[in-house]
C-alpha atoms as a PDB file:
ATOM      1  CA  MET A   1     118.290  85.682  95.891  1.00  0.00           C
ATOM      2  CA  LYS A   2     120.546  86.701  98.779  1.00  0.00           C
ATOM      3  CA  ARG A   3     121.414  90.131 100.098  1.00  0.00           C
ATOM      4  CA  ASN A   4     124.904  91.327  99.306  1.00  0.00           C
ATOM      5  CA  GLU A   5     126.096  92.075 102.826  1.00  0.00           C
ATOM      6  CA  ASN A   6     129.466  93.201 101.467  1.00  0.00           C
ATOM      7  CA  GLY A   7     127.912  96.257  99.820  1.00  0.00           C
ATOM      8  CA  ASN A   8     127.648  99.755 101.254  1.00  0.00           C
ATOM      9  CA  PHE A   9     124.781 101.165  99.210  1.00  0.00           C
ATOM     10  CA  VAL A  10     121.195 100.338  98.269  1.00  0.00           C
ATOM     11  CA  VAL A  11     118.856 101.367  95.476  1.00  0.00           C
ATOM     12  CA  GLY A  12     115.659 103.121  96.552  1.00  0.00           C
ATOM     13  CA  ILE A  13     112.807 103.077  94.049  1.00  0.00           C
ATOM     14  CA  ASP A  14     109.622 105.117  93.826  1.00  0.00           C
ATOM     15  CA  LEU A  15     107.111 103.566  91.404  1.00  0.00           C
ATOM     16  CA  GLY A  16     104.285 105.726  90.118  1.00  0.00           C
ATOM     17  CA  GLY A  17     101.617 105.414  87.491  1.00  0.00           C
ATOM     18  CA  THR A  18     103.620 107.392  84.928  1.00  0.00           C
ATOM     19  CA  THR A  19     107.265 107.179  86.043  1.00  0.00           C
ATOM     20  CA  VAL A  20     109.669 105.037  88.035  1.00  0.00           C
ATOM     21  CA  THR A  21     112.559 106.773  89.791  1.00  0.00           C
ATOM     22  CA  SER A  22     115.581 104.955  91.222  1.00  0.00           C
ATOM     23  CA  SER A  23     118.468 106.334  93.276  1.00  0.00           C
ATOM     24  CA  VAL A  24     121.602 104.854  94.789  1.00  0.00           C
ATOM     25  CA  VAL A  25     121.525 105.789  98.481  1.00  0.00           C
ATOM     26  CA  ASP A  26     124.223 105.633 101.151  1.00  0.00           C
ATOM     27  CA  ARG A  27     123.725 104.789 104.833  1.00  0.00           C
ATOM     28  CA  GLU A  28     123.255 108.461 105.777  1.00  0.00           C
ATOM     29  CA  GLY A  29     120.390 108.867 103.326  1.00  0.00           C
ATOM     30  CA  ASN A  30     122.309 110.779 100.661  1.00  0.00           C
ATOM     31  CA  LEU A  31     121.038 110.288  97.099  1.00  0.00           C
ATOM     32  CA  LEU A  32     124.011 109.644  94.822  1.00  0.00           C
ATOM     33  CA  SER A  33     122.003 109.468  91.595  1.00  0.00           C
ATOM     34  CA  GLU A  34     118.477 109.777  90.252  1.00  0.00           C
ATOM     35  CA  ALA A  35     117.223 107.871  87.220  1.00  0.00           C
ATOM     36  CA  GLU A  36     113.637 108.597  86.154  1.00  0.00           C
ATOM     37  CA  ILE A  37     111.992 106.854  83.197  1.00  0.00           C
ATOM     38  CA  PRO A  38     108.410 106.071  82.108  1.00  0.00           C
ATOM     39  CA  SER A  39     106.874 103.171  84.049  1.00  0.00           C
ATOM     40  CA  TYR A  40     104.299 102.173  81.389  1.00  0.00           C
ATOM     41  CA  SER A  41     101.986 100.982  84.145  1.00  0.00           C
ATOM     42  CA  GLU A  42      99.182 100.453  81.639  1.00  0.00           C
ATOM     43  CA  LYS A  43     101.185  97.810  79.755  1.00  0.00           C
ATOM     44  CA  GLY A  44     101.279  95.122  82.438  1.00  0.00           C
ATOM     45  CA  VAL A  45     103.648  93.577  84.961  1.00  0.00           C
ATOM     46  CA  ASP A  46     106.243  92.336  82.501  1.00  0.00           C
ATOM     47  CA  VAL A  47     106.781  95.706  80.819  1.00  0.00           C
ATOM     48  CA  THR A  48     106.754  97.696  84.057  1.00  0.00           C
ATOM     49  CA  THR A  49     109.204  95.382  85.810  1.00  0.00           C
ATOM     50  CA  ASP A  50     111.468  95.743  82.766  1.00  0.00           C
ATOM     51  CA  LYS A  51     111.357  99.523  83.242  1.00  0.00           C
ATOM     52  CA  ILE A  52     112.065  99.202  86.974  1.00  0.00           C
ATOM     53  CA  ALA A  53     115.135  97.083  86.213  1.00  0.00           C
ATOM     54  CA  GLU A  54     116.253  99.599  83.587  1.00  0.00           C
ATOM     55  CA  SER A  55     115.900 102.434  86.089  1.00  0.00           C
ATOM     56  CA  VAL A  56     117.927 100.520  88.687  1.00  0.00           C
ATOM     57  CA  GLU A  57     120.757  99.912  86.226  1.00  0.00           C
ATOM     58  CA  GLU A  58     120.791 103.554  85.162  1.00  0.00           C
ATOM     59  CA  ALA A  59     120.900 104.735  88.787  1.00  0.00           C
ATOM     60  CA  ILE A  60     123.905 102.511  89.529  1.00  0.00           C
ATOM     61  CA  LYS A  61     125.633 103.760  86.374  1.00  0.00           C
ATOM     62  CA  GLN A  62     124.949 107.418  87.235  1.00  0.00           C
ATOM     63  CA  ALA A  63     126.339 106.942  90.738  1.00  0.00           C
ATOM     64  CA  GLY A  64     129.561 105.453  89.353  1.00  0.00           C
ATOM     65  CA  LYS A  65     129.133 102.322  91.464  1.00  0.00           C
ATOM     66  CA  ALA A  66     129.577  98.644  90.654  1.00  0.00           C
ATOM     67  CA  ARG A  67     126.789  96.135  91.136  1.00  0.00           C
ATOM     68  CA  GLU A  68     128.922  94.567  93.846  1.00  0.00           C
ATOM     69  CA  ASP A  69     128.544  97.798  95.856  1.00  0.00           C
ATOM     70  CA  VAL A  70     124.752  97.340  96.153  1.00  0.00           C
ATOM     71  CA  ILE A  71     123.213  95.421  99.065  1.00  0.00           C
ATOM     72  CA  ALA A  72     119.612  95.226  97.848  1.00  0.00           C
ATOM     73  CA  CYS A  73     116.714  97.258  96.421  1.00  0.00           C
ATOM     74  CA  GLY A  74     113.627  98.681  98.130  1.00  0.00           C
ATOM     75  CA  MET A  75     110.510 100.070  96.480  1.00  0.00           C
ATOM     76  CA  GLY A  76     107.205 101.720  97.254  1.00  0.00           C
ATOM     77  CA  ALA A  77     104.258 101.083  94.924  1.00  0.00           C
ATOM     78  CA  PRO A  78     100.577 102.074  95.059  1.00  0.00           C
ATOM     79  CA  GLY A  79      98.021  99.587  96.306  1.00  0.00           C
ATOM     80  CA  ILE A  80      97.507  96.862  98.873  1.00  0.00           C
ATOM     81  CA  HIS A  81     100.199  94.199  99.070  1.00  0.00           C
ATOM     82  CA  LYS A  82     101.092  90.966 100.787  1.00  0.00           C
ATOM     83  CA  ALA A  83     104.446  92.653 101.023  1.00  0.00           C
ATOM     84  CA  ASP A  84     106.572  89.857 102.468  1.00  0.00           C
ATOM     85  CA  GLU A  85     105.274  87.492  99.767  1.00  0.00           C
ATOM     86  CA  GLY A  86     105.679  90.027  96.965  1.00  0.00           C
ATOM     87  CA  VAL A  87     102.010  89.714  95.956  1.00  0.00           C
ATOM     88  CA  VAL A  88     100.078  92.807  94.907  1.00  0.00           C
ATOM     89  CA  LEU A  89      96.456  92.274  95.915  1.00  0.00           C
ATOM     90  CA  TRP A  90      95.158  95.494  94.359  1.00  0.00           C
ATOM     91  CA  SER A  91      96.931  98.372  92.663  1.00  0.00           C
ATOM     92  CA  PRO A  92      94.978 101.184  90.989  1.00  0.00           C
ATOM     93  CA  ASN A  93      96.125 102.280  87.535  1.00  0.00           C
ATOM     94  CA  PHE A  94      98.525  99.328  87.195  1.00  0.00           C
ATOM     95  CA  SER A  95      97.220  96.985  84.521  1.00  0.00           C
ATOM     96  CA  GLY A  96      97.492  93.290  85.337  1.00  0.00           C
ATOM     97  CA  TRP A  97      99.061  93.764  88.768  1.00  0.00           C
ATOM     98  CA  ASP A  98      96.122  92.572  90.864  1.00  0.00           C
ATOM     99  CA  GLY A  99      97.075  89.206  92.351  1.00  0.00           C
ATOM    100  CA  ALA A 100     100.494  89.220  90.673  1.00  0.00           C
ATOM    101  CA  ASN A 101     103.738  88.218  92.363  1.00  0.00           C
ATOM    102  CA  VAL A 102     106.202  90.897  91.308  1.00  0.00           C
ATOM    103  CA  TYR A 103     109.178  89.888  93.485  1.00  0.00           C
ATOM    104  CA  GLU A 104     110.331  87.032  91.318  1.00  0.00           C
ATOM    105  CA  PRO A 105     110.478  89.006  88.056  1.00  0.00           C
ATOM    106  CA  LEU A 106     112.124  91.935  89.873  1.00  0.00           C
ATOM    107  CA  ARG A 107     114.738  89.714  91.495  1.00  0.00           C
ATOM    108  CA  LYS A 108     115.406  87.916  88.225  1.00  0.00           C
ATOM    109  CA  LYS A 109     115.618  91.087  86.115  1.00  0.00           C
ATOM    110  CA  THR A 110     117.727  93.145  88.517  1.00  0.00           C
ATOM    111  CA  GLY A 111     119.812  90.422  90.132  1.00  0.00           C
ATOM    112  CA  PHE A 112     119.162  91.950  93.571  1.00  0.00           C
ATOM    113  CA  GLU A 113     117.118  91.047  96.623  1.00  0.00           C
ATOM    114  CA  PHE A 114     113.968  93.192  96.686  1.00  0.00           C
ATOM    115  CA  TYR A 115     111.848  94.685  99.488  1.00  0.00           C
ATOM    116  CA  MET A 116     108.547  96.389  98.813  1.00  0.00           C
ATOM    117  CA  GLY A 117     105.425  97.896 100.342  1.00  0.00           C
ATOM    118  CA  ASN A 118     102.568 100.340  99.847  1.00  0.00           C
ATOM    119  CA  ASP A 119     103.947 103.633  98.579  1.00  0.00           C
ATOM    120  CA  VAL A 120     102.699 105.791 101.463  1.00  0.00           C
ATOM    121  CA  ASN A 121     103.786 103.271 104.094  1.00  0.00           C
ATOM    122  CA  VAL A 122     107.217 103.193 102.459  1.00  0.00           C
ATOM    123  CA  ALA A 123     107.369 107.012 102.324  1.00  0.00           C
ATOM    124  CA  SER A 124     106.436 107.060 106.013  1.00  0.00           C
ATOM    125  CA  PHE A 125     109.278 104.658 106.750  1.00  0.00           C
ATOM    126  CA  GLY A 126     111.613 106.975 104.853  1.00  0.00           C
ATOM    127  CA  GLU A 127     110.453 109.979 106.868  1.00  0.00           C
ATOM    128  CA  TYR A 128     110.897 107.977 110.070  1.00  0.00           C
ATOM    129  CA  THR A 129     114.398 106.786 109.138  1.00  0.00           C
ATOM    130  CA  PHE A 130     115.898 109.834 107.469  1.00  0.00           C
ATOM    131  CA  GLY A 131     113.514 112.754 108.027  1.00  0.00           C
ATOM    132  CA  ALA A 132     111.168 114.413 110.479  1.00  0.00           C
ATOM    133  CA  GLY A 133     110.256 111.167 112.219  1.00  0.00           C
ATOM    134  CA  ARG A 134     113.667 110.139 113.476  1.00  0.00           C
ATOM    135  CA  GLY A 135     113.393 108.860 117.036  1.00  0.00           C
ATOM    136  CA  ALA A 136     109.579 108.975 117.179  1.00  0.00           C
ATOM    137  CA  GLU A 137     107.941 106.217 119.236  1.00  0.00           C
ATOM    138  CA  ILE A 138     104.737 106.164 117.195  1.00  0.00           C
ATOM    139  CA  MET A 139     104.541 108.186 113.981  1.00  0.00           C
ATOM    140  CA  VAL A 140     101.645 108.710 111.593  1.00  0.00           C
ATOM    141  CA  MET A 141     102.190 110.307 108.205  1.00  0.00           C
ATOM    142  CA  PHE A 142      99.563 111.800 105.914  1.00  0.00           C
ATOM    143  CA  THR A 143     100.295 112.664 102.283  1.00  0.00           C
ATOM    144  CA  LEU A 144      98.033 115.125 100.490  1.00  0.00           C
ATOM    145  CA  GLY A 145      97.905 114.925  96.717  1.00  0.00           C
ATOM    146  CA  THR A 146      95.599 113.330  94.151  1.00  0.00           C
ATOM    147  CA  GLY A 147      94.506 111.218  97.131  1.00  0.00           C
ATOM    148  CA  VAL A 148      95.095 111.326 100.862  1.00  0.00           C
ATOM    149  CA  GLY A 149      97.386 108.506 101.928  1.00  0.00           C
ATOM    150  CA  SER A 150      98.597 107.468 105.356  1.00  0.00           C
ATOM    151  CA  GLY A 151     101.258 105.351 107.006  1.00  0.00           C
ATOM    152  CA  LEU A 152     101.865 104.257 110.585  1.00  0.00           C
ATOM    153  CA  ILE A 153     105.271 103.491 112.105  1.00  0.00           C
ATOM    154  CA  VAL A 154     105.205 101.836 115.535  1.00  0.00           C
ATOM    155  CA  ARG A 155     108.501 101.666 117.431  1.00  0.00           C
ATOM    156  CA  GLY A 156     110.567 101.408 114.287  1.00  0.00           C
ATOM    157  CA  GLU A 157     108.327  99.079 112.301  1.00  0.00           C
ATOM    158  CA  ALA A 158     105.845  99.881 109.560  1.00  0.00           C
ATOM    159  CA  TYR A 159     102.461  98.760 110.877  1.00  0.00           C
ATOM    160  CA  ARG A 160     100.205  96.604 108.740  1.00  0.00           C
ATOM    161  CA  GLY A 161      96.973  94.901 109.578  1.00  0.00           C
ATOM    162  CA  MET A 162      96.279  91.617 107.786  1.00  0.00           C
ATOM    163  CA  PHE A 163      97.579  93.166 104.565  1.00  0.00           C
ATOM    164  CA  ALA A 164      97.328  96.934 104.553  1.00  0.00           C
ATOM    165  CA  SER A 165      98.399  99.960 106.548  1.00  0.00           C
ATOM    166  CA  PRO A 166      95.567 102.082 108.031  1.00  0.00           C
ATOM    167  CA  GLU A 167      93.593 103.849 105.295  1.00  0.00           C
ATOM    168  CA  LEU A 168      93.100 107.051 107.286  1.00  0.00           C
ATOM    169  CA  GLY A 169      92.281 108.959 104.108  1.00  0.00           C
ATOM    170  CA  HIS A 170      89.050 106.964 104.003  1.00  0.00           C
ATOM    171  CA  VAL A 171      87.878 107.764 107.513  1.00  0.00           C
ATOM    172  CA  ILE A 172      84.485 109.426 107.125  1.00  0.00           C
ATOM    173  CA  ILE A 173      84.365 112.903 108.659  1.00  0.00           C
ATOM    174  CA  ASP A 174      81.170 114.186 106.998  1.00  0.00           C
ATOM    175  CA  ALA A 175      78.539 111.541 106.276  1.00  0.00           C
ATOM    176  CA  LYS A 176      76.687 113.994 104.016  1.00  0.00           C
ATOM    177  CA  GLY A 177      79.855 115.043 102.235  1.00  0.00           C
ATOM    178  CA  PRO A 178      80.898 114.470  98.620  1.00  0.00           C
ATOM    179  CA  ARG A 179      81.308 111.032  97.111  1.00  0.00           C
ATOM    180  CA  CYS A 180      84.834 109.641  97.321  1.00  0.00           C
ATOM    181  CA  GLY A 181      86.621 107.573  94.703  1.00  0.00           C
ATOM    182  CA  CYS A 182      86.245 104.600  97.061  1.00  0.00           C
ATOM    183  CA  GLY A 183      82.459 104.846  96.623  1.00  0.00           C
ATOM    184  CA  ARG A 184      81.634 106.172 100.092  1.00  0.00           C
ATOM    185  CA  TYR A 185      80.666 109.680 101.095  1.00  0.00           C
ATOM    186  CA  GLY A 186      82.503 112.268 103.163  1.00  0.00           C
ATOM    187  CA  CYS A 187      85.919 110.598 103.412  1.00  0.00           C
ATOM    188  CA  VAL A 188      88.925 112.707 104.312  1.00  0.00           C
ATOM    189  CA  GLU A 189      90.184 112.157 100.763  1.00  0.00           C
ATOM    190  CA  ALA A 190      86.949 113.392  99.204  1.00  0.00           C
ATOM    191  CA  LEU A 191      87.217 116.626 101.187  1.00  0.00           C
ATOM    192  CA  CYS A 192      90.978 117.256 101.183  1.00  0.00           C
ATOM    193  CA  ASN A 193      92.543 115.907  98.019  1.00  0.00           C
ATOM    194  CA  ARG A 194      93.721 118.002  95.094  1.00  0.00           C
ATOM    195  CA  ASP A 195      90.444 117.967  93.179  1.00  0.00           C
ATOM    196  CA  ALA A 196      88.405 118.758  96.294  1.00  0.00           C
ATOM    197  CA  ILE A 197      90.514 121.842  96.994  1.00  0.00           C
ATOM    198  CA  ILE A 198      90.248 123.064  93.410  1.00  0.00           C
ATOM    199  CA  ASN A 199      86.497 122.419  93.265  1.00  0.00           C
ATOM    200  CA  ARG A 200      85.978 124.273  96.563  1.00  0.00           C
ATOM    201  CA  ALA A 201      87.678 127.359  95.156  1.00  0.00           C
ATOM    202  CA  MET A 202      85.959 127.056  91.792  1.00  0.00           C
ATOM    203  CA  GLN A 203      82.488 126.943  93.318  1.00  0.00           C
ATOM    204  CA  LYS A 204      83.188 130.134  95.260  1.00  0.00           C
ATOM    205  CA  VAL A 205      84.225 131.949  92.087  1.00  0.00           C
ATOM    206  CA  LEU A 206      81.275 130.553  90.127  1.00  0.00           C
ATOM    207  CA  SER A 207      78.945 131.927  92.805  1.00  0.00           C
ATOM    208  CA  GLY A 208      80.068 135.404  91.778  1.00  0.00           C
ATOM    209  CA  ARG A 209      82.735 136.131  94.377  1.00  0.00           C
ATOM    210  CA  LYS A 210      85.757 138.126  93.252  1.00  0.00           C
ATOM    211  CA  SER A 211      89.115 136.375  93.242  1.00  0.00           C
ATOM    212  CA  LYS A 212      92.489 136.631  91.549  1.00  0.00           C
ATOM    213  CA  LEU A 213      91.852 133.078  90.404  1.00  0.00           C
ATOM    214  CA  TYR A 214      89.456 134.359  87.737  1.00  0.00           C
ATOM    215  CA  GLU A 215      91.975 136.851  86.380  1.00  0.00           C
ATOM    216  CA  ALA A 216      94.881 134.421  86.511  1.00  0.00           C
ATOM    217  CA  THR A 217      93.011 131.781  84.506  1.00  0.00           C
ATOM    218  CA  GLU A 218      91.165 134.306  82.300  1.00  0.00           C
ATOM    219  CA  GLY A 219      87.934 132.652  83.394  1.00  0.00           C
ATOM    220  CA  ARG A 220      89.121 129.110  82.593  1.00  0.00           C
ATOM    221  CA  LEU A 221      88.558 127.921  86.137  1.00  0.00           C
ATOM    222  CA  THR A 222      89.447 124.309  85.365  1.00  0.00           C
ATOM    223  CA  GLU A 223      93.054 125.564  85.135  1.00  0.00           C
ATOM    224  CA  ILE A 224      93.135 126.419  88.847  1.00  0.00           C
ATOM    225  CA  THR A 225      95.836 124.576  90.816  1.00  0.00           C
ATOM    226  CA  PRO A 226      96.418 124.223  94.577  1.00  0.00           C
ATOM    227  CA  GLN A 227      99.697 126.092  94.148  1.00  0.00           C
ATOM    228  CA  MET A 228      97.808 128.996  92.585  1.00  0.00           C
ATOM    229  CA  ILE A 229      95.334 128.999  95.462  1.00  0.00           C
ATOM    230  CA  ASP A 230      98.165 129.060  97.985  1.00  0.00           C
ATOM    231  CA  ARG A 231      99.974 131.884  96.199  1.00  0.00           C
ATOM    232  CA  PHE A 232      96.914 134.121  96.146  1.00  0.00           C
ATOM    233  CA  ALA A 233      95.992 133.199  99.710  1.00  0.00           C
ATOM    234  CA  ASN A 234      99.364 134.588 100.750  1.00  0.00           C
ATOM    235  CA  GLU A 235      98.362 137.753  98.886  1.00  0.00           C
ATOM    236  CA  LYS A 236      95.211 137.965 101.074  1.00  0.00           C
ATOM    237  CA  ASP A 237      92.733 136.761  98.424  1.00  0.00           C
ATOM    238  CA  ILE A 238      89.680 135.965 100.568  1.00  0.00           C
ATOM    239  CA  VAL A 239      88.362 133.146  98.378  1.00  0.00           C
ATOM    240  CA  CYS A 240      91.740 131.409  98.427  1.00  0.00           C
ATOM    241  CA  CYS A 241      92.195 131.933 102.175  1.00  0.00           C
ATOM    242  CA  GLU A 242      88.747 130.458 102.854  1.00  0.00           C
ATOM    243  CA  THR A 243      89.458 127.504 100.582  1.00  0.00           C
ATOM    244  CA  LEU A 244      92.653 126.583 102.400  1.00  0.00           C
ATOM    245  CA  CYS A 245      91.172 127.170 105.852  1.00  0.00           C
ATOM    246  CA  GLU A 246      88.156 124.972 105.098  1.00  0.00           C
ATOM    247  CA  THR A 247      90.438 122.241 103.780  1.00  0.00           C
ATOM    248  CA  GLY A 248      92.659 122.621 106.830  1.00  0.00           C
ATOM    249  CA  PHE A 249      89.637 122.304 109.096  1.00  0.00           C
ATOM    250  CA  TYR A 250      88.616 118.969 107.557  1.00  0.00           C
ATOM    251  CA  MET A 251      92.182 117.687 107.542  1.00  0.00           C
ATOM    252  CA  GLY A 252      92.580 118.865 111.129  1.00  0.00           C
ATOM    253  CA  LEU A 253      89.584 116.746 112.137  1.00  0.00           C
ATOM    254  CA  ALA A 254      91.276 113.748 110.519  1.00  0.00           C
ATOM    255  CA  VAL A 255      94.460 114.462 112.457  1.00  0.00           C
ATOM    256  CA  ALA A 256      92.511 114.851 115.721  1.00  0.00           C
ATOM    257  CA  ASN A 257      90.765 111.514 115.117  1.00  0.00           C
ATOM    258  CA  THR A 258      94.175 109.969 114.507  1.00  0.00           C
ATOM    259  CA  ILE A 259      95.524 111.369 117.773  1.00  0.00           C
ATOM    260  CA  ASN A 260      92.498 110.013 119.627  1.00  0.00           C
ATOM    261  CA  SER A 261      92.753 106.605 117.941  1.00  0.00           C
ATOM    262  CA  PHE A 262      96.492 105.857 117.962  1.00  0.00           C
ATOM    263  CA  ASP A 263      97.973 108.135 120.647  1.00  0.00           C
ATOM    264  CA  PRO A 264     101.017 108.900 118.448  1.00  0.00           C
ATOM    265  CA  SER A 265     104.013 110.948 119.492  1.00  0.00           C
ATOM    266  CA  LEU A 266     104.335 112.526 116.041  1.00  0.00           C
ATOM    267  CA  ILE A 267     102.180 113.288 113.019  1.00  0.00           C
ATOM    268  CA  VAL A 268     103.920 114.265 109.783  1.00  0.00           C
ATOM    269  CA  ILE A 269     102.024 116.065 107.020  1.00  0.00           C
ATOM    270  CA  GLY A 270     103.502 115.536 103.561  1.00  0.00           C
ATOM    271  CA  GLY A 271     102.650 115.903  99.893  1.00  0.00           C
ATOM    272  CA  GLY A 272     103.014 118.904  97.619  1.00  0.00           C
ATOM    273  CA  ILE A 273      99.741 120.496  98.734  1.00  0.00           C
ATOM    274  CA  ALA A 274     100.813 120.393 102.381  1.00  0.00           C
ATOM    275  CA  ARG A 275     103.669 122.801 101.702  1.00  0.00           C
ATOM    276  CA  SER A 276     101.117 125.587 102.086  1.00  0.00           C
ATOM    277  CA  ARG A 277     101.836 127.440 105.365  1.00  0.00           C
ATOM    278  CA  ILE A 278      98.221 128.584 105.682  1.00  0.00           C
ATOM    279  CA  LEU A 279      96.874 125.067 105.173  1.00  0.00           C
ATOM    280  CA  PHE A 280      99.351 123.496 107.583  1.00  0.00           C
ATOM    281  CA  GLU A 281      98.643 126.045 110.318  1.00  0.00           C
ATOM    282  CA  GLU A 282      94.886 125.453 110.017  1.00  0.00           C
ATOM    283  CA  ILE A 283      95.373 121.685 110.182  1.00  0.00           C
ATOM    284  CA  LYS A 284      97.424 122.039 113.344  1.00  0.00           C
ATOM    285  CA  LYS A 285      95.039 124.575 114.915  1.00  0.00           C
ATOM    286  CA  THR A 286      91.949 122.424 114.319  1.00  0.00           C
ATOM    287  CA  ALA A 287      93.660 119.243 115.496  1.00  0.00           C
ATOM    288  CA  MET A 288      94.821 120.868 118.726  1.00  0.00           C
ATOM    289  CA  GLU A 289      91.351 122.312 119.349  1.00  0.00           C
ATOM    290  CA  THR A 290      89.503 119.018 118.847  1.00  0.00           C
ATOM    291  CA  ALA A 291      91.792 116.182 119.992  1.00  0.00           C
ATOM    292  CA  ILE A 292      91.590 114.798 123.540  1.00  0.00           C
ATOM    293  CA  ASP A 293      93.673 117.025 125.822  1.00  0.00           C
ATOM    294  CA  CYS A 294      95.806 114.399 127.543  1.00  0.00           C
ATOM    295  CA  LEU A 295      96.642 112.759 124.190  1.00  0.00           C
ATOM    296  CA  LYS A 296      97.445 115.878 122.184  1.00  0.00           C
ATOM    297  CA  GLU A 297      99.831 117.158 124.864  1.00  0.00           C
ATOM    298  CA  HIS A 298     102.575 114.738 123.841  1.00  0.00           C
ATOM    299  CA  CYS A 299     101.877 114.706 120.098  1.00  0.00           C
ATOM    300  CA  SER A 300     103.754 117.007 117.731  1.00  0.00           C
ATOM    301  CA  ILE A 301     102.440 117.886 114.268  1.00  0.00           C
ATOM    302  CA  VAL A 302     105.168 118.769 111.773  1.00  0.00           C
ATOM    303  CA  PRO A 303     105.651 119.093 108.000  1.00  0.00           C
ATOM    304  CA  SER A 304     107.597 116.497 106.039  1.00  0.00           C
ATOM    305  CA  GLN A 305     111.331 117.082 105.770  1.00  0.00           C
ATOM    306  CA  LEU A 306     111.923 114.803 102.800  1.00  0.00           C
ATOM    307  CA  GLY A 307     109.245 116.089 100.434  1.00  0.00           C
ATOM    308  CA  ASN A 308     109.045 114.106  97.197  1.00  0.00           C
ATOM    309  CA  LYS A 309     112.180 112.128  98.128  1.00  0.00           C
ATOM    310  CA  ALA A 310     110.387 110.301 100.956  1.00  0.00           C
ATOM    311  CA  GLY A 311     109.381 107.403  98.704  1.00  0.00           C
ATOM    312  CA  ILE A 312     112.887 106.750  97.394  1.00  0.00           C
ATOM    313  CA  LEU A 313     114.426 107.083 100.845  1.00  0.00           C
ATOM    314  CA  GLY A 314     111.740 104.827 102.280  1.00  0.00           C
ATOM    315  CA  GLY A 315     112.638 102.171  99.734  1.00  0.00           C
ATOM    316  CA  ALA A 316     116.274 102.619 100.671  1.00  0.00           C
ATOM    317  CA  ALA A 317     115.453 102.232 104.376  1.00  0.00           C
ATOM    318  CA  LEU A 318     113.620  98.950 103.662  1.00  0.00           C
ATOM    319  CA  ALA A 319     116.607  97.650 101.734  1.00  0.00           C
ATOM    320  CA  PHE A 320     119.129  98.604 104.416  1.00  0.00           C
ATOM    321  CA  LYS A 321     117.058  97.017 107.185  1.00  0.00           C
ATOM    322  CA  GLY A 322     115.849  94.033 105.184  1.00  0.00           C
ATOM    323  CA  VAL A 323     112.183  94.556 106.032  1.00  0.00           C
ATOM    324  CA  TYR A 324     108.887  94.929 104.185  1.00  0.00           C
ATOM    325  CA  ALA A 325     106.243  97.646 104.512  1.00  0.00           C
END
């Protein structure tokens, strides 16, 4: 399959465990359409690649473009990949994807050249190309959500080791901390992901401390969300403020370790949870207090500009540049 160098647009694709979203994107990073459909990740490679192809076709139709207008497609997907070979070594929650080559079915079903990489690395590339990272020499991005992902962009290229980008969400910052989904204890992810934040707040309320969280959920504390915690923290709820500040402290240590390890010029904090002003300020404060002085002086810490569009725009950036992540 060859790139269509006569085209002016690409299709950026964000593949998740429940949905796949495709958008036609122009060279300035404008999304001209957005087609979201179920990904059926539990049904295997053949079904999911069918849904990806369907999403691509719908995005092109929505944008009012012809297939001849499209150069190529780019996609981010969870897991560890041999990206330039199109082989998925390991992908959580995607049935039958481990060890599968997905490029050939995607190329055959869509009729386009395909570029792919780990979803957070691709989102980082999107932020570097179209968002907060433009012009950065060395950029690290963290995404806070159900997990804590990371991506590293070095002088315009998405960094990978033998196969994967740095798994900074699995750096251990408290050896006696809670067990992580990876099986180890005290990882950044185990202390800063969505469930960790909710559990931290819940335990405070269960200990008898007063909080608007109890009233808002009518005592059903499992209904607490990070957005709820942030809202009440902004209303000076002490439990919620403490929860975000403790999370920000742990995440700030991770950022400081990253500064000390990679000497980046920019760190971008993304993910829905990171939209919290209180959390972001605590991350930045802790990082600046604990990182090595001469390294932190030339490193900026900023929030994501692209939000939940970073994955699609990262896929688009791969397709425009003809590279893998």
